[in-house]
Structures are given as C-alpha cells and as structure tokens.
C-alpha atoms as a PDB file:
ATOM      1  CA  MET A   1      -0.568  -0.042  -0.117  1.00  0.00           C
ATOM      2  CA  GLU A   2       2.623   2.609   0.820  1.00  0.00           C
ATOM      3  CA  GLU A   3       4.328   1.555  -2.256  1.00  0.00           C
ATOM      4  CA  TYR A   4       1.450   2.378  -3.965  1.00  0.00           C
ATOM      5  CA  ASN A   5       0.907   5.880  -2.400  1.00  0.00           C
ATOM      6  CA  LYS A   6       4.604   6.866  -3.777  1.00  0.00           C
ATOM      7  CA  ILE A   7       3.732   6.483  -7.041  1.00  0.00           C
ATOM      8  CA  TYR A   8       0.321   8.263  -6.938  1.00  0.00           C
ATOM      9  CA  ARG A   9       1.951  11.260  -5.428  1.00  0.00           C
ATOM     10  CA  LYS A  10       4.955  11.228  -7.543  1.00  0.00           C
ATOM     11  CA  LEU A  11       2.366  11.091 -10.616  1.00  0.00           C
ATOM     12  CA  PHE A  12      -0.996  13.018  -9.987  1.00  0.00           C
ATOM     13  CA  ARG A  13      -1.241  14.371  -6.630  1.00  0.00           C
ATOM     14  CA  ASN A  14       0.640  17.804  -7.987  1.00  0.00           C
ATOM     15  CA  LYS A  15      -1.317  17.997 -11.277  1.00  0.00           C
ATOM     16  CA  PHE A  16      -4.746  16.928  -9.289  1.00  0.00           C
ATOM     17  CA  PRO A  17      -4.653  17.970  -5.950  1.00  0.00           C
ATOM     18  CA  VAL A  18      -7.255  15.899  -3.675  1.00  0.00           C
ATOM     19  CA  SER A  19      -8.263  15.573  -0.203  1.00  0.00           C
ATOM     20  CA  ALA A  20      -6.144  13.334   1.898  1.00  0.00           C
ATOM     21  CA  GLU A  21      -9.366  11.043   2.191  1.00  0.00           C
ATOM     22  CA  ALA A  22     -10.282  11.202  -1.402  1.00  0.00           C
ATOM     23  CA  GLU A  23      -6.898   9.855  -2.249  1.00  0.00           C
ATOM     24  CA  SER A  24      -7.168   7.279   0.624  1.00  0.00           C
ATOM     25  CA  LYS A  25     -10.397   6.026  -0.695  1.00  0.00           C
ATOM     26  CA  TYR A  26      -9.000   5.519  -4.210  1.00  0.00           C
ATOM     27  CA  LEU A  27      -5.716   3.768  -3.125  1.00  0.00           C
ATOM     28  CA  GLN A  28      -7.684   1.642  -1.138  1.00  0.00           C
ATOM     29  CA  ALA A  29     -10.367   0.516  -4.264  1.00  0.00           C
ATOM     30  CA  LYS A  30      -7.348   0.111  -6.651  1.00  0.00           C
ATOM     31  CA  SER A  31      -5.847  -1.996  -3.824  1.00  0.00           C
ATOM     32  CA  ALA A  32      -8.886  -4.648  -3.446  1.00  0.00           C
ATOM     33  CA  PHE A  33      -9.217  -4.367  -7.218  1.00  0.00           C
ATOM     34  CA  GLN A  34      -5.760  -5.764  -7.904  1.00  0.00           C
ATOM     35  CA  ILE A  35      -6.427  -8.177  -5.012  1.00  0.00           C
ATOM     36  CA  ARG A  36      -9.839  -9.597  -6.760  1.00  0.00           C
ATOM     37  CA  ILE A  37      -7.750  -9.773 -10.108  1.00  0.00           C
ATOM     38  CA  PHE A  38      -5.160 -11.867  -8.549  1.00  0.00           C
ATOM     39  CA  LEU A  39      -7.216 -14.002  -6.535  1.00  0.00           C
ATOM     40  CA  LEU A  40      -9.237 -14.970  -9.690  1.00  0.00           C
ATOM     41  CA  ALA A  41      -6.100 -15.531 -11.468  1.00  0.00           C
ATOM     42  CA  GLY A  42      -4.831 -17.523  -9.294  1.00  0.00           C
ATOM     43  CA  ILE A  43      -8.323 -19.889  -8.946  1.00  0.00           C
ATOM     44  CA  ARG A  44      -8.577 -20.452 -12.869  1.00  0.00           C
ATOM     45  CA  ASP A  45      -4.866 -21.169 -12.494  1.00  0.00           C
ATOM     46  CA  ILE A  46      -5.638 -23.739 -10.147  1.00  0.00           C
ATOM     47  CA  LEU A  47      -8.856 -24.989 -11.989  1.00  0.00           C
ATOM     48  CA  PHE A  48      -6.195 -25.365 -15.283  1.00  0.00           C
ATOM     49  CA  LEU A  49      -3.773 -27.524 -13.964  1.00  0.00           C
ATOM     50  CA  THR A  50      -6.199 -29.571 -11.917  1.00  0.00           C
ATOM     51  CA  LEU A  51      -8.140 -30.502 -15.069  1.00  0.00           C
ATOM     52  CA  GLY A  52      -4.768 -30.833 -16.842  1.00  0.00           C
ATOM     53  CA  PHE A  53      -3.351 -33.632 -14.197  1.00  0.00           C
ATOM     54  CA  VAL A  54      -7.135 -35.575 -14.466  1.00  0.00           C
ATOM     55  CA  SER A  55      -6.882 -35.658 -18.087  1.00  0.00           C
ATOM     56  CA  ALA A  56      -3.546 -36.581 -18.272  1.00  0.00           C
ATOM     57  CA  GLY A  57      -3.728 -39.590 -16.072  1.00  0.00           C
ATOM     58  CA  PHE A  58      -6.822 -40.855 -17.424  1.00  0.00           C
ATOM     59  CA  GLY A  59      -4.809 -41.126 -21.203  1.00  0.00           C
ATOM     60  CA  LEU A  60      -2.511 -42.672 -19.356  1.00  0.00           C
ATOM     61  CA  LYS A  61      -4.571 -44.852 -16.993  1.00  0.00           C
ATOM     62  CA  GLY A  62      -7.241 -45.197 -19.246  1.00  0.00           C
ATOM     63  CA  PHE A  63      -5.034 -46.169 -23.041  1.00  0.00           C
ATOM     64  CA  LEU A  64      -1.410 -45.984 -22.514  1.00  0.00           C
ATOM     65  CA  LEU A  65      -0.129 -47.873 -19.298  1.00  0.00           C
ATOM     66  CA  PRO A  66      -2.995 -51.014 -19.856  1.00  0.00           C
ATOM     67  CA  ASN A  67      -1.623 -51.384 -24.093  1.00  0.00           C
ATOM     68  CA  HIS A  68       2.278 -50.832 -22.820  1.00  0.00           C
ATOM     69  CA  PHE A  69       2.327 -47.495 -24.659  1.00  0.00           C
ATOM     70  CA  ILE A  70       4.920 -44.617 -23.960  1.00  0.00           C
ATOM     71  CA  ASP A  71       4.727 -40.900 -25.184  1.00  0.00           C
ATOM     72  CA  GLY A  72       7.554 -38.575 -25.728  1.00  0.00           C
ATOM     73  CA  GLY A  73       9.338 -36.438 -22.768  1.00  0.00           C
ATOM     74  CA  ALA A  74       9.759 -37.053 -18.918  1.00  0.00           C
ATOM     75  CA  THR A  75       6.642 -38.822 -19.584  1.00  0.00           C
ATOM     76  CA  GLY A  76       7.545 -41.263 -22.106  1.00  0.00           C
ATOM     77  CA  LEU A  77      10.564 -41.740 -20.105  1.00  0.00           C
ATOM     78  CA  SER A  78       9.003 -42.618 -17.169  1.00  0.00           C
ATOM     79  CA  LEU A  79       6.918 -45.113 -18.980  1.00  0.00           C
ATOM     80  CA  ILE A  80       9.739 -46.701 -20.788  1.00  0.00           C
ATOM     81  CA  VAL A  81      11.174 -47.755 -16.696  1.00  0.00           C
ATOM     82  CA  SER A  82       8.152 -48.463 -15.473  1.00  0.00           C
ATOM     83  CA  GLN A  83       7.817 -51.160 -17.922  1.00  0.00           C
ATOM     84  CA  LEU A  84      11.423 -52.422 -17.900  1.00  0.00           C
ATOM     85  CA  THR A  85      11.504 -52.059 -14.289  1.00  0.00           C
ATOM     86  CA  GLU A  86       8.110 -52.808 -12.725  1.00  0.00           C
ATOM     87  CA  PHE A  87       8.738 -49.426 -10.895  1.00  0.00           C
ATOM     88  CA  PRO A  88       5.202 -47.310  -9.818  1.00  0.00           C
ATOM     89  CA  ILE A  89       5.002 -45.363 -12.723  1.00  0.00           C
ATOM     90  CA  SER A  90       3.534 -42.242 -10.065  1.00  0.00           C
ATOM     91  CA  ILE A  91       6.366 -42.369  -8.335  1.00  0.00           C
ATOM     92  CA  LEU A  92       8.974 -42.329 -11.016  1.00  0.00           C
ATOM     93  CA  LEU A  93       6.845 -39.333 -12.840  1.00  0.00           C
ATOM     94  CA  VAL A  94       7.914 -37.126  -9.808  1.00  0.00           C
ATOM     95  CA  ILE A  95      11.632 -38.301  -9.556  1.00  0.00           C
ATOM     96  CA  ILE A  96      11.886 -37.909 -13.467  1.00  0.00           C
ATOM     97  CA  ASN A  97      10.991 -34.679 -13.522  1.00  0.00           C
ATOM     98  CA  ILE A  98      12.584 -33.456 -10.079  1.00  0.00           C
ATOM     99  CA  PRO A  99      15.705 -32.363 -12.146  1.00  0.00           C
ATOM    100  CA  PHE A 100      13.604 -30.171 -14.296  1.00  0.00           C
ATOM    101  CA  LEU A 101      11.606 -28.565 -11.433  1.00  0.00           C
ATOM    102  CA  TYR A 102      14.499 -27.559 -10.316  1.00  0.00           C
ATOM    103  CA  MET A 103      15.639 -26.387 -13.628  1.00  0.00           C
ATOM    104  CA  GLY A 104      12.378 -24.253 -13.810  1.00  0.00           C
ATOM    105  CA  TYR A 105      12.946 -22.805 -10.493  1.00  0.00           C
ATOM    106  CA  ARG A 106      16.234 -21.398 -11.562  1.00  0.00           C
ATOM    107  CA  GLN A 107      14.854 -20.497 -15.286  1.00  0.00           C
ATOM    108  CA  MET A 108      11.265 -19.006 -14.194  1.00  0.00           C
ATOM    109  CA  GLY A 109      11.280 -18.209 -10.598  1.00  0.00           C
ATOM    110  CA  TRP A 110       9.059 -19.707  -7.480  1.00  0.00           C
ATOM    111  CA  THR A 111       5.853 -19.242  -9.061  1.00  0.00           C
ATOM    112  CA  PHE A 112       6.277 -21.155 -11.808  1.00  0.00           C
ATOM    113  CA  PHE A 113       8.011 -24.031  -9.914  1.00  0.00           C
ATOM    114  CA  MET A 114       5.237 -24.042  -7.109  1.00  0.00           C
ATOM    115  CA  LYS A 115       2.645 -24.520 -10.314  1.00  0.00           C
ATOM    116  CA  ALA A 116       4.665 -27.331 -11.736  1.00  0.00           C
ATOM    117  CA  ALA A 117       5.143 -29.249  -9.016  1.00  0.00           C
ATOM    118  CA  PHE A 118       1.504 -29.157  -8.026  1.00  0.00           C
ATOM    119  CA  SER A 119       0.851 -29.938 -11.488  1.00  0.00           C
ATOM    120  CA  ILE A 120       3.172 -33.009 -11.444  1.00  0.00           C
ATOM    121  CA  GLY A 121       2.414 -34.330  -8.025  1.00  0.00           C
ATOM    122  CA  GLY A 122      -0.995 -33.984  -9.348  1.00  0.00           C
ATOM    123  CA  LEU A 123      -0.922 -36.210 -11.926  1.00  0.00           C
ATOM    124  CA  ALA A 124       1.543 -38.937 -10.109  1.00  0.00           C
ATOM    125  CA  LEU A 125      -1.171 -38.940  -7.594  1.00  0.00           C
ATOM    126  CA  ALA A 126      -4.262 -39.330  -9.679  1.00  0.00           C
ATOM    127  CA  VAL A 127      -2.571 -42.437 -11.382  1.00  0.00           C
ATOM    128  CA  ALA A 128      -1.527 -43.778  -8.048  1.00  0.00           C
ATOM    129  CA  PHE A 129      -4.740 -43.211  -6.572  1.00  0.00           C
ATOM    130  CA  ILE A 130      -7.878 -42.598  -9.343  1.00  0.00           C
ATOM    131  CA  PRO A 131      -9.487 -45.835 -10.446  1.00  0.00           C
ATOM    132  CA  TYR A 132      -9.175 -44.670 -14.107  1.00  0.00           C
ATOM    133  CA  PRO A 133     -11.530 -47.729 -16.547  1.00  0.00           C
ATOM    134  CA  ALA A 134      -9.164 -49.263 -19.481  1.00  0.00           C
ATOM    135  CA  ILE A 135     -11.310 -48.145 -22.224  1.00  0.00           C
ATOM    136  CA  THR A 136      -9.989 -49.938 -24.910  1.00  0.00           C
ATOM    137  CA  SER A 137      -6.885 -52.636 -26.710  1.00  0.00           C
ATOM    138  CA  ASP A 138      -7.393 -51.163 -29.824  1.00  0.00           C
ATOM    139  CA  LYS A 139      -3.585 -50.171 -30.678  1.00  0.00           C
ATOM    140  CA  LEU A 140      -4.995 -47.023 -33.455  1.00  0.00           C
ATOM    141  CA  LEU A 141      -7.467 -45.887 -30.764  1.00  0.00           C
ATOM    142  CA  VAL A 142      -5.203 -46.363 -27.824  1.00  0.00           C
ATOM    143  CA  ALA A 143      -2.393 -44.689 -29.724  1.00  0.00           C
ATOM    144  CA  VAL A 144      -5.348 -41.614 -30.658  1.00  0.00           C
ATOM    145  CA  PHE A 145      -7.648 -41.117 -27.839  1.00  0.00           C
ATOM    146  CA  GLY A 146      -4.503 -41.842 -25.440  1.00  0.00           C
ATOM    147  CA  GLY A 147      -2.329 -38.845 -26.939  1.00  0.00           C
ATOM    148  CA  PHE A 148      -5.279 -36.818 -27.136  1.00  0.00           C
ATOM    149  CA  PHE A 149      -6.421 -36.976 -23.526  1.00  0.00           C
ATOM    150  CA  LEU A 150      -2.601 -36.730 -22.229  1.00  0.00           C
ATOM    151  CA  GLY A 151      -2.071 -33.721 -24.864  1.00  0.00           C
ATOM    152  CA  ALA A 152      -5.557 -32.085 -23.646  1.00  0.00           C
ATOM    153  CA  GLY A 153      -4.101 -32.550 -20.010  1.00  0.00           C
ATOM    154  CA  ILE A 154      -0.756 -30.849 -21.067  1.00  0.00           C
ATOM    155  CA  GLY A 155      -2.171 -27.890 -22.666  1.00  0.00           C
ATOM    156  CA  LEU A 156      -4.257 -27.049 -19.299  1.00  0.00           C
ATOM    157  CA  ALA A 157      -1.365 -27.300 -17.387  1.00  0.00           C
ATOM    158  CA  VAL A 158       0.395 -24.807 -19.571  1.00  0.00           C
ATOM    159  CA  ARG A 159      -2.585 -22.406 -19.695  1.00  0.00           C
ATOM    160  CA  GLY A 160      -2.703 -22.783 -16.230  1.00  0.00           C
ATOM    161  CA  GLY A 161       1.055 -21.493 -15.905  1.00  0.00           C
ATOM    162  CA  GLY A 162       3.034 -24.996 -15.143  1.00  0.00           C
ATOM    163  CA  VAL A 163       3.915 -28.134 -16.672  1.00  0.00           C
ATOM    164  CA  LEU A 164       3.503 -31.762 -16.887  1.00  0.00           C
ATOM    165  CA  ASP A 165       6.492 -33.078 -18.381  1.00  0.00           C
ATOM    166  CA  GLY A 166       9.724 -31.006 -17.836  1.00  0.00           C
ATOM    167  CA  THR A 167      11.315 -31.250 -21.172  1.00  0.00           C
ATOM    168  CA  GLU A 168      10.079 -28.453 -22.282  1.00  0.00           C
ATOM    169  CA  ILE A 169      12.184 -26.762 -18.763  1.00  0.00           C
ATOM    170  CA  MET A 170      15.296 -28.160 -20.228  1.00  0.00           C
ATOM    171  CA  ALA A 171      14.865 -27.535 -23.989  1.00  0.00           C
ATOM    172  CA  ILE A 172      14.273 -23.603 -22.533  1.00  0.00           C
ATOM    173  CA  PHE A 173      17.799 -23.969 -20.119  1.00  0.00           C
ATOM    174  CA  ILE A 174      19.580 -25.969 -23.028  1.00  0.00           C
ATOM    175  CA  SER A 175      18.570 -23.144 -25.727  1.00  0.00           C
ATOM    176  CA  ARG A 176      19.485 -20.390 -23.666  1.00  0.00           C
ATOM    177  CA  ARG A 177      23.348 -21.638 -23.057  1.00  0.00           C
ATOM    178  CA  SER A 178      23.294 -22.369 -27.123  1.00  0.00           C
ATOM    179  CA  SER A 179      22.111 -21.784 -30.728  1.00  0.00           C
ATOM    180  CA  ILE A 180      19.880 -25.189 -30.795  1.00  0.00           C
ATOM    181  CA  THR A 181      16.137 -23.876 -30.363  1.00  0.00           C
ATOM    182  CA  ILE A 182      13.992 -25.012 -28.224  1.00  0.00           C
ATOM    183  CA  GLY A 183      11.439 -27.442 -30.730  1.00  0.00           C
ATOM    184  CA  ASP A 184      15.260 -28.713 -32.036  1.00  0.00           C
ATOM    185  CA  VAL A 185      16.118 -29.939 -28.452  1.00  0.00           C
ATOM    186  CA  ILE A 186      12.631 -31.178 -27.941  1.00  0.00           C
ATOM    187  CA  LEU A 187      12.934 -33.148 -31.598  1.00  0.00           C
ATOM    188  CA  LEU A 188      16.140 -34.586 -30.746  1.00  0.00           C
ATOM    189  CA  ILE A 189      15.068 -35.612 -26.654  1.00  0.00           C
ATOM    190  CA  ASN A 190      12.156 -37.394 -28.496  1.00  0.00           C
ATOM    191  CA  LEU A 191      13.883 -39.204 -31.036  1.00  0.00           C
ATOM    192  CA  VAL A 192      16.374 -40.547 -28.561  1.00  0.00           C
ATOM    193  CA  ILE A 193      13.310 -42.054 -26.541  1.00  0.00           C
ATOM    194  CA  PHE A 194      11.679 -43.382 -29.286  1.00  0.00           C
ATOM    195  CA  SER A 195      15.180 -44.999 -30.993  1.00  0.00           C
ATOM    196  CA  PHE A 196      15.004 -46.509 -27.250  1.00  0.00           C
ATOM    197  CA  ALA A 197      11.789 -47.592 -27.068  1.00  0.00           C
ATOM    198  CA  ALA A 198      12.037 -48.759 -30.669  1.00  0.00           C
ATOM    199  CA  TYR A 199      15.175 -51.401 -29.400  1.00  0.00           C
ATOM    200  CA  LEU A 200      13.513 -52.721 -26.282  1.00  0.00           C
ATOM    201  CA  LEU A 201      10.195 -52.378 -26.124  1.00  0.00           C
ATOM    202  CA  GLY A 202       9.572 -53.446 -30.045  1.00  0.00           C
ATOM    203  CA  ILE A 203       9.296 -51.107 -33.230  1.00  0.00           C
ATOM    204  CA  GLU A 204       5.719 -51.578 -33.436  1.00  0.00           C
ATOM    205  CA  ILE A 205       4.952 -50.460 -30.238  1.00  0.00           C
ATOM    206  CA  ALA A 206       7.656 -47.516 -31.261  1.00  0.00           C
ATOM    207  CA  LEU A 207       5.748 -46.506 -34.248  1.00  0.00           C
ATOM    208  CA  TYR A 208       2.332 -46.633 -32.313  1.00  0.00           C
ATOM    209  CA  SER A 209       3.972 -44.383 -29.855  1.00  0.00           C
ATOM    210  CA  ILE A 210       4.924 -42.036 -32.317  1.00  0.00           C
ATOM    211  CA  LEU A 211       1.171 -41.694 -33.046  1.00  0.00           C
ATOM    212  CA  THR A 212       0.499 -40.953 -29.842  1.00  0.00           C
ATOM    213  CA  TYR A 213       3.166 -38.178 -29.337  1.00  0.00           C
ATOM    214  CA  LEU A 214       1.757 -36.455 -32.678  1.00  0.00           C
ATOM    215  CA  ALA A 215      -1.301 -37.152 -31.270  1.00  0.00           C
ATOM    216  CA  ALA A 216      -0.866 -35.341 -27.923  1.00  0.00           C
ATOM    217  CA  SER A 217       1.469 -32.759 -29.611  1.00  0.00           C
ATOM    218  CA  ARG A 218      -1.891 -31.242 -31.709  1.00  0.00           C
ATOM    219  CA  THR A 219      -4.139 -31.573 -28.995  1.00  0.00           C
ATOM    220  CA  ILE A 220      -1.798 -29.158 -26.817  1.00  0.00           C
ATOM    221  CA  ASP A 221      -1.934 -26.902 -29.835  1.00  0.00           C
ATOM    222  CA  PHE A 222      -5.259 -26.767 -29.458  1.00  0.00           C
ATOM    223  CA  ILE A 223      -5.767 -26.338 -26.319  1.00  0.00           C
ATOM    224  CA  ILE A 224      -3.338 -23.561 -26.113  1.00  0.00           C
ATOM    225  CA  GLU A 225      -4.478 -21.983 -28.936  1.00  0.00           C
ATOM    226  CA  GLY A 226      -7.435 -22.364 -28.772  1.00  0.00           C
ATOM    227  CA  ILE A 227     -10.638 -22.948 -31.300  1.00  0.00           C
ATOM    228  CA  GLU A 228     -11.051 -19.691 -32.890  1.00  0.00           C
ATOM    229  CA  GLU A 229      -7.884 -18.995 -34.411  1.00  0.00           C
ATOM    230  CA  TYR A 230      -7.446 -15.174 -35.401  1.00  0.00           C
ATOM    231  CA  THR A 231      -5.177 -13.469 -38.280  1.00  0.00           C
ATOM    232  CA  GLY A 232      -3.903  -9.878 -38.601  1.00  0.00           C
ATOM    233  CA  VAL A 233      -4.512  -7.605 -41.492  1.00  0.00           C
ATOM    234  CA  THR A 234      -2.153  -4.503 -42.350  1.00  0.00           C
ATOM    235  CA  ILE A 235      -4.011  -2.929 -44.606  1.00  0.00           C
ATOM    236  CA  ILE A 236      -2.767   0.433 -46.779  1.00  0.00           C
ATOM    237  CA  SER A 237      -4.159   1.867 -49.112  1.00  0.00           C
ATOM    238  CA  PRO A 238      -5.141   6.155 -50.000  1.00  0.00           C
ATOM    239  CA  LYS A 239      -8.777   5.356 -49.323  1.00  0.00           C
ATOM    240  CA  SER A 240      -8.146   4.286 -45.815  1.00  0.00           C
ATOM    241  CA  GLN A 241     -11.132   6.283 -44.279  1.00  0.00           C
ATOM    242  CA  GLU A 242     -13.550   3.995 -46.637  1.00  0.00           C
ATOM    243  CA  ILE A 243     -11.852   0.627 -45.606  1.00  0.00           C
ATOM    244  CA  ALA A 244     -11.834   1.598 -42.094  1.00  0.00           C
ATOM    245  CA  GLU A 245     -15.989   2.528 -41.622  1.00  0.00           C
ATOM    246  CA  MET A 246     -16.252  -1.014 -43.630  1.00  0.00           C
ATOM    247  CA  ILE A 247     -14.260  -2.774 -41.155  1.00  0.00           C
ATOM    248  CA  THR A 248     -16.182  -1.425 -38.272  1.00  0.00           C
ATOM    249  CA  ARG A 249     -19.687  -0.791 -39.524  1.00  0.00           C
ATOM    250  CA  LYS A 250     -19.749  -3.710 -41.584  1.00  0.00           C
ATOM    251  CA  MET A 251     -17.806  -6.207 -40.089  1.00  0.00           C
ATOM    252  CA  GLY A 252     -17.832  -4.733 -36.592  1.00  0.00           C
ATOM    253  CA  ARG A 253     -14.489  -4.942 -36.077  1.00  0.00           C
ATOM    254  CA  GLY A 254     -12.257  -2.755 -34.364  1.00  0.00           C
ATOM    255  CA  ILE A 255      -9.296  -0.657 -35.479  1.00  0.00           C
ATOM    256  CA  THR A 256      -5.952   0.589 -35.192  1.00  0.00           C
ATOM    257  CA  VAL A 257      -4.940   3.246 -37.306  1.00  0.00           C
ATOM    258  CA  TYR A 258      -1.106   3.873 -37.640  1.00  0.00           C
ATOM    259  CA  LYS A 259       0.096   7.391 -39.058  1.00  0.00           C
ATOM    260  CA  GLY A 260       3.168   6.306 -41.577  1.00  0.00           C
ATOM    261  CA  THR A 261       5.314   7.399 -44.476  1.00  0.00           C
ATOM    262  CA  SER A 262       5.749   5.956 -47.550  1.00  0.00           C
ATOM    263  CA  GLY A 263       8.525   4.667 -49.438  1.00  0.00           C
ATOM    264  CA  PHE A 264       9.352   2.931 -52.653  1.00  0.00           C
ATOM    265  CA  GLY A 265       6.745   1.611 -55.006  1.00  0.00           C
ATOM    266  CA  LYS A 266       5.748   1.678 -58.543  1.00  0.00           C
ATOM    267  CA  ARG A 267       6.730   5.028 -59.210  1.00  0.00           C
ATOM    268  CA  GLY A 268       9.666   5.604 -57.474  1.00  0.00           C
ATOM    269  CA  TYR A 269      10.297   6.663 -54.144  1.00  0.00           C
ATOM    270  CA  VAL A 270       7.423   9.085 -52.869  1.00  0.00           C
ATOM    271  CA  SER A 271       7.232  10.681 -49.441  1.00  0.00           C
ATOM    272  CA  THR A 272       4.265  11.281 -48.362  1.00  0.00           C
ATOM    273  CA  ASP A 273       1.748  10.732 -44.958  1.00  0.00           C
ATOM    274  CA  ILE A 274      -0.539   7.789 -45.349  1.00  0.00           C
ATOM    275  CA  GLU A 275      -2.896   6.196 -42.748  1.00  0.00           C
ATOM    276  CA  ILE A 276      -2.330   2.323 -41.806  1.00  0.00           C
ATOM    277  CA  ILE A 277      -4.774   0.372 -40.807  1.00  0.00           C
ATOM    278  CA  PHE A 278      -4.757  -2.729 -38.454  1.00  0.00           C
ATOM    279  CA  THR A 279      -7.676  -4.983 -37.368  1.00  0.00           C
ATOM    280  CA  VAL A 280      -8.285  -8.735 -36.104  1.00  0.00           C
ATOM    281  CA  VAL A 281     -10.327 -10.867 -37.702  1.00  0.00           C
ATOM    282  CA  THR A 282     -10.899 -14.826 -37.594  1.00  0.00           C
ATOM    283  CA  ARG A 283      -9.893 -17.012 -40.038  1.00  0.00           C
ATOM    284  CA  LEU A 284     -13.765 -17.421 -41.404  1.00  0.00           C
ATOM    285  CA  GLU A 285     -13.752 -13.572 -41.758  1.00  0.00           C
ATOM    286  CA  ILE A 286     -10.544 -13.282 -44.148  1.00  0.00           C
ATOM    287  CA  SER A 287     -12.279 -14.047 -47.576  1.00  0.00           C
ATOM    288  CA  ARG A 288     -15.443 -11.443 -47.164  1.00  0.00           C
ATOM    289  CA  MET A 289     -12.722  -8.873 -46.023  1.00  0.00           C
ATOM    290  CA  GLN A 290     -11.010  -9.306 -48.693  1.00  0.00           C
ATOM    291  CA  THR A 291     -14.014  -8.850 -50.827  1.00  0.00           C
ATOM    292  CA  GLU A 292     -15.118  -6.226 -49.191  1.00  0.00           C
ATOM    293  CA  ILE A 293     -11.238  -4.580 -49.775  1.00  0.00           C
ATOM    294  CA  MET A 294     -11.525  -4.903 -53.316  1.00  0.00           C
ATOM    295  CA  VAL A 295     -14.757  -3.254 -53.504  1.00  0.00           C
ATOM    296  CA  ILE A 296     -13.140  -0.324 -52.518  1.00  0.00           C
ATOM    297  CA  ASP A 297      -9.595  -0.552 -53.592  1.00  0.00           C
ATOM    298  CA  PRO A 298      -8.611  -3.245 -55.839  1.00  0.00           C
ATOM    299  CA  ASN A 299      -5.036  -2.165 -55.435  1.00  0.00           C
ATOM    300  CA  ALA A 300      -4.548  -2.036 -51.467  1.00  0.00           C
ATOM    301  CA  PHE A 301      -1.477  -3.383 -49.907  1.00  0.00           C
ATOM    302  CA  VAL A 302      -2.915  -5.992 -47.998  1.00  0.00           C
ATOM    303  CA  VAL A 303      -0.677  -8.302 -45.274  1.00  0.00           C
ATOM    304  CA  ARG A 304      -2.000 -10.663 -43.012  1.00  0.00           C
ATOM    305  CA  HIS A 305       0.122 -12.900 -40.383  1.00  0.00           C
ATOM    306  CA  SER A 306      -1.679 -15.770 -37.919  1.00  0.00           C
ATOM    307  CA  ILE A 307      -1.715 -14.465 -34.116  1.00  0.00           C
ATOM    308  CA  LYS A 308      -1.637 -17.134 -31.488  1.00  0.00           C
ATOM    309  CA  ASP A 309      -4.098 -15.406 -29.204  1.00  0.00           C
ATOM    310  CA  THR A 310      -5.832 -11.889 -28.332  1.00  0.00           C
ATOM    311  CA  LYS A 311      -6.773 -10.033 -25.097  1.00  0.00           C
ATOM    312  CA  GLY A 312      -8.315  -7.134 -24.811  1.00  0.00           C
ATOM    313  CA  GLY A 313      -9.780  -4.060 -27.851  1.00  0.00           C
ATOM    314  CA  MET A 314     -12.618  -5.218 -29.667  1.00  0.00           C
ATOM    315  CA  ILE A 315     -11.805  -8.773 -30.483  1.00  0.00           C
ATOM    316  CA  LYS A 316     -15.776  -9.944 -30.145  1.00  0.00           C
ATOM    317  CA  LYS A 317     -17.838  -8.747 -32.426  1.00  0.00           C
ATOM    318  CA  ARG A 318     -19.764  -5.715 -31.324  1.00  0.00           C
ATOM    319  CA  PRO A 319     -23.728  -4.796 -32.695  1.00  0.00           C
ATOM    320  CA  LEU A 320     -23.409  -4.192 -36.437  1.00  0.00           C
ATOM    321  CA  HIS A 321     -25.204  -1.038 -37.580  1.00  0.00           C
ATOM    322  CA  ASP A 322     -28.161  -0.859 -39.655  1.00  0.00           C
END
C-alpha cells in the first residue's frame, strides 16, 4: 500500500490536488481491485492445473499403461523405465521430473516451480489413486485417444501456468546456452526416447507411440491456441477512411490506425503521409474482408499474419449498425 501511495503522489498529486481522504479511498479501491484480479487468476490457474493432471492421468491409465504404449518427453521416459523395471509409474513421474523442476525454479522463478510441482504431483497422485477404467485394447484407438487426453492435460496445465512434463523446461535451459532452438531440443530428446523404445519394446510399439506423441502435440496446440484462430491484417490504401468505416460498420471489428510515410513503390520513391490500418479477424472472416477491400480499392496493399492469442480491445464482434 505504501508503494502505491508513493507512485500516486509522484504522478498525480501536483497536477490534480485531492483531499487525503479521497486519495486514501482511491488507493484502497485500487488495492482491492488488484487483489481480486490476482485471486481470480489464481483460482483459474488451479482449475486449469487440476483439470490438466486429471485428463493426463486418464490418458495414461485408461489408454497407454494397459497397452504398454509410451509418449515423448519425461512422461515417455517414465513409462519406459516403469515397463522395464515394474517400478510404480506414479513415483517415477515425480523422480524423473525433479531435475527439470529445479531448472524451472532457476529459470522462471518460485511461482512457476510451485505450479509445476502441483501439476506433476497431482498427476502422480491421480495415476496412483484414481480408479480410471481401461477403455480399449485397439492399438489405433489407444494411440489416438491416449495422445488426445494426455495432450489435453498438458495443454490445460500450460494454460494454468505450469507443466506436466519437464522436457520443455530443459529445452529452454539448453537453448539459452547454445544456438539450438527449443523445438530442435525437444525433437532430439524425443528422437532418443523413441529410439530406445524401438530397441527395448519393439518397432511396432515405438511406431504407435510416435502416433500417440503426434496426437498429443496437436491437442496441446489446440488447447493452448484455442478453437478460434485469429489473423492480423494490415492494410495500406489511399482510401483508408472508407476501408476503416467498412471494417467497423459492416464487419463489426475494431481497428488501430497508424500514421506512416510511404516509401519506394511502382512510381519510385514517394514521400507522402499515409494511414495504416490494423485489425484482427477470425480466419472465417478473411475471405469476406478481402472481397470488401477489393470493392473499395483493388490496389490496396494487404498483409496477413497468424496470431496465436489475443486479449483486450474489440476482439469479440460488437452489434453492427443497420
């Protein structure tokens, strides 16, 4: 509270004098609002983490474990060791992830460590104590749906700010100390794991396990990025006012207008002031927007790029004008 008081006085008190009582009420309301935001975010994260390890436990115990399939990463390594030694998988999930948790603590701090530990510990307890039924012995169904539920669990845990598999933590750790990308590190780790699986458990099991890993990876992307994928659109046109009105009135989307200067084009270098429009639409609206822009200005310069996630602004469509 004292820190908020200092910042407030430094920024606003000289410009907008207020009574001490009004200032105190404002800061108390602001502090209460911030506490509520953090509390709601914490509850949301715990919910995501809990759903994550319950779903991953179902994928493991309901599909992969009864059929001796594996996955990639630390979970796959735990499954291999468990099958070779008959050591409880629930304990191995914790033991093998301990070094990765330490790396996560060093790289990303105490909050991340607590969330990751909660997720991995919860997964171990779910596998040990929740009586998941064995769903099927069909190898294709096991690979696809085992990967789906495992991937959904990992994705939900990531949405909650934690992890269920420490492989990505190690990948971040290695990439920061070398020129290898995170994706390349994960690929190399899984290549080693599936090679061991092919040698120790057989080629067929390894191939089905790769299918499980692919299903899990796609599900993770789906959970993290969401169902509705967005596209950012940048438009440069001398008819920017008409295009801006079309986007806001006809399509119900918000826009941001940048002030810029034109550069080298078909007519050589021309230094004139221009307005650059930026908006975000869903992939289902791209075709309509392209058509509407063509009607206004067939020569408009349009750049599109994928957006993983959005927050704030006019992302959801507002009611259109009649």
